[in-house]
C-alpha atoms as a PDB file:
ATOM      1  CA  MET A   1     153.705  52.799 118.400  1.00  0.00           C
ATOM      2  CA  ASN A   2     154.650  49.207 119.163  1.00  0.00           C
ATOM      3  CA  VAL A   3     155.419  48.877 122.882  1.00  0.00           C
ATOM      4  CA  ASN A   4     158.585  46.846 122.319  1.00  0.00           C
ATOM      5  CA  LEU A   5     159.848  49.385 119.806  1.00  0.00           C
ATOM      6  CA  ARG A   6     159.184  52.181 122.280  1.00  0.00           C
ATOM      7  CA  ARG A   7     161.203  50.325 124.897  1.00  0.00           C
ATOM      8  CA  VAL A   8     164.100  49.846 122.466  1.00  0.00           C
ATOM      9  CA  LEU A   9     164.103  53.548 121.643  1.00  0.00           C
ATOM     10  CA  ALA A  10     163.830  54.453 125.312  1.00  0.00           C
ATOM     11  CA  ALA A  11     166.737  52.209 126.231  1.00  0.00           C
ATOM     12  CA  ALA A  12     168.837  53.671 123.447  1.00  0.00           C
ATOM     13  CA  ALA A  13     168.040  57.188 124.614  1.00  0.00           C
ATOM     14  CA  MET A  14     168.894  56.335 128.204  1.00  0.00           C
ATOM     15  CA  CYS A  15     172.205  54.758 127.229  1.00  0.00           C
ATOM     16  CA  ALA A  16     173.113  57.818 125.224  1.00  0.00           C
ATOM     17  CA  VAL A  17     172.626  60.203 128.144  1.00  0.00           C
ATOM     18  CA  ALA A  18     173.014  57.978 131.189  1.00  0.00           C
ATOM     19  CA  PRO A  19     176.337  59.290 132.529  1.00  0.00           C
ATOM     20  CA  ALA A  20     175.152  62.917 132.618  1.00  0.00           C
ATOM     21  CA  SER A  21     171.582  62.352 133.744  1.00  0.00           C
ATOM     22  CA  LEU A  22     172.264  59.744 136.419  1.00  0.00           C
ATOM     23  CA  ALA A  23     175.102  61.720 137.967  1.00  0.00           C
ATOM     24  CA  ALA A  24     172.844  64.770 138.260  1.00  0.00           C
ATOM     25  CA  THR A  25     169.678  63.157 139.603  1.00  0.00           C
ATOM     26  CA  ILE A  26     168.570  64.471 143.003  1.00  0.00           C
ATOM     27  CA  ALA A  27     165.321  62.502 143.211  1.00  0.00           C
ATOM     28  CA  HIS A  28     163.306  60.249 140.928  1.00  0.00           C
ATOM     29  CA  TRP A  29     159.927  58.717 141.770  1.00  0.00           C
ATOM     30  CA  ASP A  30     158.232  56.337 139.324  1.00  0.00           C
ATOM     31  CA  PHE A  31     155.609  55.008 141.798  1.00  0.00           C
ATOM     32  CA  GLU A  32     156.183  51.378 140.852  1.00  0.00           C
ATOM     33  CA  THR A  33     156.170  49.958 144.374  1.00  0.00           C
ATOM     34  CA  ASP A  34     155.134  50.592 147.956  1.00  0.00           C
ATOM     35  CA  LEU A  35     158.110  50.237 150.303  1.00  0.00           C
ATOM     36  CA  ILE A  36     155.909  49.492 153.314  1.00  0.00           C
ATOM     37  CA  ALA A  37     153.596  46.967 151.637  1.00  0.00           C
ATOM     38  CA  GLY A  38     156.452  45.463 149.623  1.00  0.00           C
ATOM     39  CA  SER A  39     154.644  45.768 146.298  1.00  0.00           C
ATOM     40  CA  ALA A  40     151.983  47.824 144.540  1.00  0.00           C
ATOM     41  CA  ALA A  41     149.056  47.194 142.194  1.00  0.00           C
ATOM     42  CA  PRO A  42     146.317  49.297 140.593  1.00  0.00           C
ATOM     43  CA  GLY A  43     143.727  50.365 143.168  1.00  0.00           C
ATOM     44  CA  GLN A  44     146.041  49.756 146.124  1.00  0.00           C
ATOM     45  CA  THR A  45     146.295  52.537 148.709  1.00  0.00           C
ATOM     46  CA  VAL A  46     149.725  54.075 149.304  1.00  0.00           C
ATOM     47  CA  SER A  47     150.642  52.769 152.761  1.00  0.00           C
ATOM     48  CA  HIS A  48     150.511  55.127 155.723  1.00  0.00           C
ATOM     49  CA  PRO A  49     150.206  53.156 158.989  1.00  0.00           C
ATOM     50  CA  SER A  50     151.117  56.029 161.336  1.00  0.00           C
ATOM     51  CA  ALA A  51     149.020  58.935 162.570  1.00  0.00           C
ATOM     52  CA  ASN A  52     147.809  61.501 160.046  1.00  0.00           C
ATOM     53  CA  GLY A  53     150.642  63.785 158.994  1.00  0.00           C
ATOM     54  CA  ALA A  54     153.473  61.592 160.279  1.00  0.00           C
ATOM     55  CA  PHE A  55     156.133  60.695 157.728  1.00  0.00           C
ATOM     56  CA  ASP A  56     155.943  57.091 156.482  1.00  0.00           C
ATOM     57  CA  ALA A  57     158.427  56.376 153.668  1.00  0.00           C
ATOM     58  CA  ALA A  58     156.284  54.521 151.124  1.00  0.00           C
ATOM     59  CA  ILE A  59     157.434  55.759 147.705  1.00  0.00           C
ATOM     60  CA  ALA A  60     161.014  54.879 146.748  1.00  0.00           C
ATOM     61  CA  ASP A  61     163.521  57.396 145.430  1.00  0.00           C
ATOM     62  CA  LEU A  62     165.326  55.792 142.489  1.00  0.00           C
ATOM     63  CA  SER A  63     168.239  58.236 142.724  1.00  0.00           C
ATOM     64  CA  GLY A  64     169.674  56.547 145.814  1.00  0.00           C
ATOM     65  CA  ASN A  65     169.671  59.836 147.736  1.00  0.00           C
ATOM     66  CA  GLY A  66     166.994  58.690 150.173  1.00  0.00           C
ATOM     67  CA  ASN A  67     164.303  61.185 149.176  1.00  0.00           C
ATOM     68  CA  GLU A  68     161.362  58.884 149.804  1.00  0.00           C
ATOM     69  CA  LEU A  69     157.791  60.187 149.740  1.00  0.00           C
ATOM     70  CA  SER A  70     155.006  59.808 152.291  1.00  0.00           C
ATOM     71  CA  ALA A  71     151.245  60.023 152.018  1.00  0.00           C
ATOM     72  CA  PHE A  72     149.395  62.095 154.624  1.00  0.00           C
ATOM     73  CA  THR A  73     146.782  59.483 155.571  1.00  0.00           C
ATOM     74  CA  GLY A  74     146.198  55.809 154.929  1.00  0.00           C
ATOM     75  CA  ALA A  75     143.278  53.794 153.555  1.00  0.00           C
ATOM     76  CA  GLY A  76     139.949  55.530 154.096  1.00  0.00           C
ATOM     77  CA  GLY A  77     141.636  58.767 155.146  1.00  0.00           C
ATOM     78  CA  PHE A  78     140.743  62.200 153.802  1.00  0.00           C
ATOM     79  CA  ALA A  79     144.083  62.403 151.940  1.00  0.00           C
ATOM     80  CA  GLU A  80     144.272  58.812 150.704  1.00  0.00           C
ATOM     81  CA  MET A  81     146.502  58.237 147.673  1.00  0.00           C
ATOM     82  CA  ARG A  82     146.253  55.203 145.420  1.00  0.00           C
ATOM     83  CA  PHE A  83     148.237  53.486 142.719  1.00  0.00           C
ATOM     84  CA  SER A  84     146.659  53.387 139.256  1.00  0.00           C
ATOM     85  CA  GLY A  85     147.260  51.520 136.023  1.00  0.00           C
ATOM     86  CA  ASN A  86     146.609  54.730 134.072  1.00  0.00           C
ATOM     87  CA  VAL A  87     150.153  55.557 132.982  1.00  0.00           C
ATOM     88  CA  ALA A  88     151.982  57.916 130.670  1.00  0.00           C
ATOM     89  CA  PRO A  89     152.866  56.256 127.342  1.00  0.00           C
ATOM     90  CA  ASN A  90     155.990  58.364 126.760  1.00  0.00           C
ATOM     91  CA  ALA A  91     158.116  57.623 129.824  1.00  0.00           C
ATOM     92  CA  GLN A  92     161.597  56.127 129.483  1.00  0.00           C
ATOM     93  CA  THR A  93     161.297  54.109 132.674  1.00  0.00           C
ATOM     94  CA  GLY A  94     158.518  51.918 131.232  1.00  0.00           C
ATOM     95  CA  SER A  95     156.089  52.814 133.997  1.00  0.00           C
ATOM     96  CA  THR A  96     153.186  50.484 134.815  1.00  0.00           C
ATOM     97  CA  LEU A  97     151.749  52.518 137.725  1.00  0.00           C
ATOM     98  CA  SER A  98     150.956  56.137 138.524  1.00  0.00           C
ATOM     99  CA  VAL A  99     149.523  57.736 141.681  1.00  0.00           C
ATOM    100  CA  THR A 100     146.186  59.466 142.138  1.00  0.00           C
ATOM    101  CA  GLY A 101     143.777  60.819 144.723  1.00  0.00           C
ATOM    102  CA  ILE A 102     140.888  59.349 142.749  1.00  0.00           C
ATOM    103  CA  THR A 103     139.319  56.615 144.875  1.00  0.00           C
ATOM    104  CA  ASP A 104     136.813  55.371 142.275  1.00  0.00           C
ATOM    105  CA  GLU A 105     138.176  55.543 138.736  1.00  0.00           C
ATOM    106  CA  SER A 106     134.818  54.493 137.254  1.00  0.00           C
ATOM    107  CA  THR A 107     133.138  57.644 138.585  1.00  0.00           C
ATOM    108  CA  GLY A 108     136.117  59.950 139.118  1.00  0.00           C
ATOM    109  CA  ALA A 109     135.310  60.345 142.821  1.00  0.00           C
ATOM    110  CA  SER A 110     138.316  61.581 144.776  1.00  0.00           C
ATOM    111  CA  VAL A 111     139.435  62.537 148.241  1.00  0.00           C
ATOM    112  CA  CYS A 112     139.746  66.168 149.240  1.00  0.00           C
ATOM    113  CA  CYS A 113     143.455  66.404 149.903  1.00  0.00           C
ATOM    114  CA  GLU A 114     145.778  64.601 147.512  1.00  0.00           C
ATOM    115  CA  VAL A 115     149.477  64.826 148.384  1.00  0.00           C
ATOM    116  CA  LEU A 116     152.762  62.976 148.619  1.00  0.00           C
ATOM    117  CA  SER A 117     155.614  64.827 150.287  1.00  0.00           C
ATOM    118  CA  THR A 118     159.241  64.627 151.352  1.00  0.00           C
ATOM    119  CA  ASP A 119     160.627  64.660 154.874  1.00  0.00           C
ATOM    120  CA  GLY A 120     162.075  68.174 154.737  1.00  0.00           C
ATOM    121  CA  ASP A 121     164.446  69.305 152.007  1.00  0.00           C
ATOM    122  CA  LEU A 122     165.709  67.030 149.260  1.00  0.00           C
ATOM    123  CA  ASP A 123     169.121  65.489 149.916  1.00  0.00           C
ATOM    124  CA  PHE A 124     171.918  65.017 147.400  1.00  0.00           C
ATOM    125  CA  GLY A 125     175.070  63.166 148.370  1.00  0.00           C
ATOM    126  CA  GLY A 126     174.029  63.167 152.030  1.00  0.00           C
ATOM    127  CA  SER A 127     173.323  66.906 152.371  1.00  0.00           C
ATOM    128  CA  PRO A 128     170.251  69.104 151.789  1.00  0.00           C
ATOM    129  CA  VAL A 129     170.214  70.652 148.322  1.00  0.00           C
ATOM    130  CA  GLY A 130     169.542  74.098 149.817  1.00  0.00           C
ATOM    131  CA  GLU A 131     169.852  76.901 147.265  1.00  0.00           C
ATOM    132  CA  LEU A 132     169.843  75.177 143.884  1.00  0.00           C
ATOM    133  CA  ALA A 133     171.901  77.039 141.290  1.00  0.00           C
ATOM    134  CA  ALA A 134     170.774  74.899 138.347  1.00  0.00           C
ATOM    135  CA  TRP A 135     168.018  72.343 138.050  1.00  0.00           C
ATOM    136  CA  THR A 136     165.548  70.368 135.963  1.00  0.00           C
ATOM    137  CA  ILE A 137     162.094  69.308 137.145  1.00  0.00           C
ATOM    138  CA  GLU A 138     160.128  66.707 135.175  1.00  0.00           C
ATOM    139  CA  ALA A 139     156.728  65.111 135.697  1.00  0.00           C
ATOM    140  CA  SER A 140     153.969  63.417 133.746  1.00  0.00           C
ATOM    141  CA  VAL A 141     150.373  64.375 134.558  1.00  0.00           C
ATOM    142  CA  ASN A 142     146.887  63.477 133.353  1.00  0.00           C
ATOM    143  CA  PHE A 143     143.940  65.541 134.615  1.00  0.00           C
ATOM    144  CA  ALA A 144     140.555  63.976 135.324  1.00  0.00           C
ATOM    145  CA  ASP A 145     139.285  67.561 135.418  1.00  0.00           C
ATOM    146  CA  ALA A 146     141.471  70.243 133.842  1.00  0.00           C
ATOM    147  CA  GLY A 147     139.821  73.150 135.663  1.00  0.00           C
ATOM    148  CA  GLY A 148     141.356  75.188 138.479  1.00  0.00           C
ATOM    149  CA  TRP A 149     144.893  75.607 139.764  1.00  0.00           C
ATOM    150  CA  GLN A 150     146.648  72.235 140.056  1.00  0.00           C
ATOM    151  CA  THR A 151     150.243  71.928 141.278  1.00  0.00           C
ATOM    152  CA  VAL A 152     152.144  68.879 140.047  1.00  0.00           C
ATOM    153  CA  VAL A 153     155.407  69.614 141.924  1.00  0.00           C
ATOM    154  CA  GLY A 154     155.657  72.205 144.680  1.00  0.00           C
ATOM    155  CA  LYS A 155     157.909  73.415 147.457  1.00  0.00           C
ATOM    156  CA  ASP A 156     156.418  74.640 150.731  1.00  0.00           C
ATOM    157  CA  GLY A 157     156.998  78.061 152.209  1.00  0.00           C
ATOM    158  CA  VAL A 158     155.766  81.643 152.368  1.00  0.00           C
ATOM    159  CA  GLY A 159     157.335  85.077 152.692  1.00  0.00           C
ATOM    160  CA  GLN A 160     160.427  84.539 150.544  1.00  0.00           C
ATOM    161  CA  ALA A 161     159.137  86.591 147.586  1.00  0.00           C
ATOM    162  CA  THR A 162     159.876  90.315 147.736  1.00  0.00           C
ATOM    163  CA  ASN A 163     157.951  91.242 144.593  1.00  0.00           C
ATOM    164  CA  GLY A 164     154.691  90.145 143.017  1.00  0.00           C
ATOM    165  CA  ASP A 165     152.388  88.092 145.232  1.00  0.00           C
ATOM    166  CA  LEU A 166     154.044  87.923 148.652  1.00  0.00           C
ATOM    167  CA  ASN A 167     151.862  84.971 149.681  1.00  0.00           C
ATOM    168  CA  GLN A 168     153.279  82.633 147.048  1.00  0.00           C
ATOM    169  CA  ALA A 169     155.379  79.564 147.833  1.00  0.00           C
ATOM    170  CA  PRO A 170     159.005  79.176 146.645  1.00  0.00           C
ATOM    171  CA  LEU A 171     158.101  76.870 143.741  1.00  0.00           C
ATOM    172  CA  TYR A 172     155.138  75.893 141.598  1.00  0.00           C
ATOM    173  CA  PHE A 173     155.197  73.564 138.608  1.00  0.00           C
ATOM    174  CA  GLN A 174     151.519  73.633 137.841  1.00  0.00           C
ATOM    175  CA  LYS A 175     148.555  73.995 135.561  1.00  0.00           C
ATOM    176  CA  MET A 176     147.114  77.465 135.847  1.00  0.00           C
ATOM    177  CA  GLY A 177     143.497  78.077 136.850  1.00  0.00           C
ATOM    178  CA  ASP A 178     143.147  81.547 135.370  1.00  0.00           C
ATOM    179  CA  GLY A 179     141.037  80.412 132.429  1.00  0.00           C
ATOM    180  CA  THR A 180     143.970  79.783 130.094  1.00  0.00           C
ATOM    181  CA  GLU A 181     144.666  76.291 131.535  1.00  0.00           C
ATOM    182  CA  ARG A 182     148.315  76.689 130.530  1.00  0.00           C
ATOM    183  CA  PHE A 183     151.259  75.264 132.465  1.00  0.00           C
ATOM    184  CA  ARG A 184     153.785  77.415 134.286  1.00  0.00           C
ATOM    185  CA  ILE A 185     157.033  77.063 136.205  1.00  0.00           C
ATOM    186  CA  ASN A 186     157.292  79.733 138.895  1.00  0.00           C
ATOM    187  CA  TYR A 187     160.073  80.050 141.459  1.00  0.00           C
ATOM    188  CA  VAL A 188     161.542  82.521 143.945  1.00  0.00           C
ATOM    189  CA  ASP A 189     165.289  83.164 143.930  1.00  0.00           C
ATOM    190  CA  VAL A 190     167.489  83.864 146.961  1.00  0.00           C
ATOM    191  CA  LEU A 191     167.023  87.632 146.516  1.00  0.00           C
ATOM    192  CA  GLY A 192     163.241  87.291 146.546  1.00  0.00           C
ATOM    193  CA  ASN A 193     162.796  87.832 142.809  1.00  0.00           C
ATOM    194  CA  VAL A 194     160.088  85.775 141.110  1.00  0.00           C
ATOM    195  CA  HIS A 195     160.715  84.099 137.745  1.00  0.00           C
ATOM    196  CA  THR A 196     157.978  82.523 135.610  1.00  0.00           C
ATOM    197  CA  ALA A 197     157.801  80.717 132.276  1.00  0.00           C
ATOM    198  CA  PHE A 198     154.529  79.730 130.616  1.00  0.00           C
ATOM    199  CA  SER A 199     153.547  77.008 128.184  1.00  0.00           C
ATOM    200  CA  THR A 200     151.617  77.664 125.014  1.00  0.00           C
ATOM    201  CA  THR A 201     149.908  74.290 125.419  1.00  0.00           C
ATOM    202  CA  THR A 202     146.417  74.397 126.898  1.00  0.00           C
ATOM    203  CA  ALA A 203     145.670  71.426 129.149  1.00  0.00           C
ATOM    204  CA  VAL A 204     142.594  69.270 128.627  1.00  0.00           C
ATOM    205  CA  ALA A 205     141.272  66.335 130.624  1.00  0.00           C
ATOM    206  CA  ASP A 206     142.185  62.704 129.962  1.00  0.00           C
ATOM    207  CA  GLU A 207     145.446  63.390 128.172  1.00  0.00           C
ATOM    208  CA  TRP A 208     148.966  62.713 129.420  1.00  0.00           C
ATOM    209  CA  TYR A 209     151.456  65.587 129.397  1.00  0.00           C
ATOM    210  CA  HIS A 210     155.158  65.279 130.072  1.00  0.00           C
ATOM    211  CA  LEU A 211     156.317  68.534 131.654  1.00  0.00           C
ATOM    212  CA  ALA A 212     159.885  69.694 132.084  1.00  0.00           C
ATOM    213  CA  ALA A 213     161.432  72.914 133.339  1.00  0.00           C
ATOM    214  CA  THR A 214     165.149  73.647 133.136  1.00  0.00           C
ATOM    215  CA  ASN A 215     167.263  76.386 134.709  1.00  0.00           C
ATOM    216  CA  ASP A 216     170.990  76.817 134.025  1.00  0.00           C
ATOM    217  CA  GLY A 217     171.319  79.968 136.128  1.00  0.00           C
ATOM    218  CA  SER A 218     170.829  82.362 133.235  1.00  0.00           C
ATOM    219  CA  THR A 219     167.845  80.989 131.295  1.00  0.00           C
ATOM    220  CA  MET A 220     164.747  79.107 132.431  1.00  0.00           C
ATOM    221  CA  LYS A 221     162.787  77.015 129.915  1.00  0.00           C
ATOM    222  CA  ILE A 222     159.529  75.099 129.971  1.00  0.00           C
ATOM    223  CA  PHE A 223     158.916  72.037 127.799  1.00  0.00           C
ATOM    224  CA  VAL A 224     155.671  70.177 127.100  1.00  0.00           C
ATOM    225  CA  ASN A 225     155.993  66.728 125.541  1.00  0.00           C
ATOM    226  CA  GLY A 226     159.623  67.394 124.724  1.00  0.00           C
ATOM    227  CA  VAL A 227     158.997  70.704 122.939  1.00  0.00           C
ATOM    228  CA  GLU A 228     160.406  73.967 124.311  1.00  0.00           C
ATOM    229  CA  GLU A 229     157.541  76.466 124.603  1.00  0.00           C
ATOM    230  CA  HIS A 230     159.011  79.445 126.485  1.00  0.00           C
ATOM    231  CA  ALA A 231     162.441  80.658 127.599  1.00  0.00           C
ATOM    232  CA  VAL A 232     162.970  83.395 130.193  1.00  0.00           C
ATOM    233  CA  ASP A 233     166.092  85.496 130.755  1.00  0.00           C
ATOM    234  CA  LEU A 234     167.086  85.306 134.434  1.00  0.00           C
ATOM    235  CA  THR A 235     170.061  87.645 134.334  1.00  0.00           C
ATOM    236  CA  THR A 236     167.987  90.620 135.496  1.00  0.00           C
ATOM    237  CA  SER A 237     168.557  89.138 138.973  1.00  0.00           C
ATOM    238  CA  ALA A 238     172.035  89.231 140.523  1.00  0.00           C
ATOM    239  CA  ASP A 239     171.576  85.779 142.088  1.00  0.00           C
ATOM    240  CA  THR A 240     169.211  83.297 140.433  1.00  0.00           C
ATOM    241  CA  ARG A 241     169.630  80.375 142.842  1.00  0.00           C
ATOM    242  CA  MET A 242     166.315  78.953 144.050  1.00  0.00           C
ATOM    243  CA  VAL A 243     165.576  79.949 147.633  1.00  0.00           C
ATOM    244  CA  ALA A 244     166.201  77.067 150.050  1.00  0.00           C
ATOM    245  CA  LEU A 245     163.425  75.209 151.818  1.00  0.00           C
ATOM    246  CA  ASP A 246     162.864  76.494 155.347  1.00  0.00           C
ATOM    247  CA  GLU A 247     163.169  73.174 157.183  1.00  0.00           C
ATOM    248  CA  ALA A 248     161.912  74.792 160.401  1.00  0.00           C
ATOM    249  CA  GLY A 249     158.764  76.019 158.648  1.00  0.00           C
ATOM    250  CA  LEU A 250     155.288  74.749 159.492  1.00  0.00           C
ATOM    251  CA  ALA A 251     151.864  74.979 157.870  1.00  0.00           C
ATOM    252  CA  GLY A 252     149.795  74.550 161.004  1.00  0.00           C
ATOM    253  CA  ALA A 253     151.388  71.463 162.538  1.00  0.00           C
ATOM    254  CA  ASP A 254     152.727  70.134 159.234  1.00  0.00           C
ATOM    255  CA  PRO A 255     156.448  70.514 158.435  1.00  0.00           C
ATOM    256  CA  TYR A 256     157.475  72.015 155.111  1.00  0.00           C
ATOM    257  CA  GLY A 257     158.699  69.766 152.319  1.00  0.00           C
ATOM    258  CA  TRP A 258     158.650  69.233 148.590  1.00  0.00           C
ATOM    259  CA  SER A 259     155.217  68.092 147.433  1.00  0.00           C
ATOM    260  CA  ILE A 260     153.724  66.012 144.646  1.00  0.00           C
ATOM    261  CA  ALA A 261     150.110  66.713 143.573  1.00  0.00           C
ATOM    262  CA  ARG A 262     149.770  69.687 145.963  1.00  0.00           C
ATOM    263  CA  GLY A 263     150.839  73.297 146.207  1.00  0.00           C
ATOM    264  CA  MET A 264     150.884  75.926 148.942  1.00  0.00           C
ATOM    265  CA  TYR A 265     149.587  79.492 149.087  1.00  0.00           C
ATOM    266  CA  ASN A 266     149.647  81.889 152.042  1.00  0.00           C
ATOM    267  CA  ASN A 267     151.056  79.020 154.130  1.00  0.00           C
ATOM    268  CA  GLY A 268     148.030  76.840 153.406  1.00  0.00           C
ATOM    269  CA  HIS A 269     147.864  73.597 151.445  1.00  0.00           C
ATOM    270  CA  GLY A 270     145.890  73.672 148.187  1.00  0.00           C
ATOM    271  CA  ASP A 271     145.943  73.586 144.377  1.00  0.00           C
ATOM    272  CA  ARG A 272     145.830  69.782 144.337  1.00  0.00           C
ATOM    273  CA  VAL A 273     145.968  67.604 141.230  1.00  0.00           C
ATOM    274  CA  ASN A 274     142.657  66.037 140.267  1.00  0.00           C
ATOM    275  CA  GLY A 275     144.059  63.222 138.187  1.00  0.00           C
ATOM    276  CA  TYR A 276     147.219  61.156 137.844  1.00  0.00           C
ATOM    277  CA  VAL A 277     150.927  61.866 138.344  1.00  0.00           C
ATOM    278  CA  ASP A 278     153.798  59.700 137.125  1.00  0.00           C
ATOM    279  CA  ASP A 279     157.572  59.690 136.693  1.00  0.00           C
ATOM    280  CA  VAL A 280     158.738  62.756 138.631  1.00  0.00           C
ATOM    281  CA  ARG A 281     162.453  63.533 138.459  1.00  0.00           C
ATOM    282  CA  ILE A 282     164.499  66.427 139.844  1.00  0.00           C
ATOM    283  CA  SER A 283     168.083  67.023 138.683  1.00  0.00           C
ATOM    284  CA  ASN A 284     170.767  69.514 139.725  1.00  0.00           C
ATOM    285  CA  VAL A 285     171.668  70.552 136.178  1.00  0.00           C
ATOM    286  CA  ALA A 286     169.703  71.924 133.250  1.00  0.00           C
ATOM    287  CA  LEU A 287     169.223  68.786 131.157  1.00  0.00           C
ATOM    288  CA  SER A 288     169.180  68.997 127.377  1.00  0.00           C
ATOM    289  CA  PRO A 289     165.975  68.015 125.533  1.00  0.00           C
ATOM    290  CA  GLY A 290     167.541  64.677 124.613  1.00  0.00           C
ATOM    291  CA  GLN A 291     168.130  63.867 128.287  1.00  0.00           C
ATOM    292  CA  LEU A 292     164.504  64.339 129.355  1.00  0.00           C
ATOM    293  CA  LEU A 293     162.392  61.337 130.334  1.00  0.00           C
ATOM    294  CA  PHE A 294     159.879  61.987 127.555  1.00  0.00           C
ATOM    295  CA  VAL A 295     160.291  59.701 124.528  1.00  0.00           C
ATOM    296  CA  PRO A 296     158.875  61.308 121.353  1.00  0.00           C
ATOM    297  CA  GLU A 297     157.221  59.318 118.604  1.00  0.00           C
ATOM    298  CA  PRO A 298     160.004  58.421 116.150  1.00  0.00           C
ATOM    299  CA  THR A 299     160.217  60.013 112.723  1.00  0.00           C
ATOM    300  CA  ALA A 300     160.189  57.847 109.616  1.00  0.00           C
ATOM    301  CA  ALA A 301     163.931  58.431 109.226  1.00  0.00           C
ATOM    302  CA  ALA A 302     164.566  57.310 112.799  1.00  0.00           C
ATOM    303  CA  LEU A 303     162.573  54.122 112.241  1.00  0.00           C
ATOM    304  CA  VAL A 304     164.552  53.341 109.091  1.00  0.00           C
ATOM    305  CA  LEU A 305     167.833  53.926 110.944  1.00  0.00           C
ATOM    306  CA  LEU A 306     166.727  51.748 113.866  1.00  0.00           C
ATOM    307  CA  ALA A 307     165.674  48.958 111.508  1.00  0.00           C
ATOM    308  CA  SER A 308     169.069  49.146 109.815  1.00  0.00           C
ATOM    309  CA  VAL A 309     170.904  48.933 113.142  1.00  0.00           C
ATOM    310  CA  LEU A 310     168.798  45.980 114.302  1.00  0.00           C
ATOM    311  CA  SER A 311     169.324  44.238 110.962  1.00  0.00           C
ATOM    312  CA  VAL A 312     173.102  44.608 111.169  1.00  0.00           C
ATOM    313  CA  GLY A 313     173.057  43.342 114.740  1.00  0.00           C
ATOM    314  CA  SER A 314     171.030  40.265 113.824  1.00  0.00           C
ATOM    315  CA  ARG A 315     173.385  39.386 110.939  1.00  0.00           C
ATOM    316  CA  ARG A 316     176.411  39.585 113.236  1.00  0.00           C
ATOM    317  CA  SER A 317     174.894  37.424 115.958  1.00  0.00           C
END
């Protein structure tokens, strides 16, 4: 689709839903700049001038809530993250950069330990979000290698689950590595119950996917490229709020946080994304499909309607 037309459609979609979506946004990272360097370009390392593991706010939070992201190491480090010009074509924000742990895009060579993370829990309106009653998580991802478990958005912790695998973290939005290569949203509620929804889409390498998961307190849904693929009834649990991040928790010497391109299992870091991540947004309501960042290809009818609107506008100007 014509890039300018996509931008017109994206702007129209954003205007239609802006009051609801903006008011509900907890965090939004589009990876378009490096706060420490002052700018970003393809191939540039995400700045991290401090010691390994220290928090250096390099990735801006567009929500205004101050939920910046930090890399773990800087240039040449074992967890180096870079900006890339490989971007998702269906993002409303008109992204020109993504982030990746791939250090040589011509060969696909990457570091061992890709991650960007928050400084503790996410804040909303000056306070930690704690036990989220309703939420939406969105992210775009492109895998250089679609094998193995790869967590796009995670939340650190262990021991909160009281059923299923007790070593699991409070949240995984990930591609599964069980041979199906499907996506799943998996979270632990405040009572320790585990809730999971699965995609029907099977991930392959070198293709962008826009993922979204919504939870209104009674139903959790997973969307791939704007299409709902699974809905799960949550009302079997008496309290479906997501368990809060343990801000005193540590994995070794590393404080817990929300993570991009990394998961956690049995209090150890892992399940990292081998590829590219773009346009991650977390909201405190269950957004409708029309409010998601993904912009679908327009139907013929939509194109005719848009052309009519533009024609009327040009005649009046």
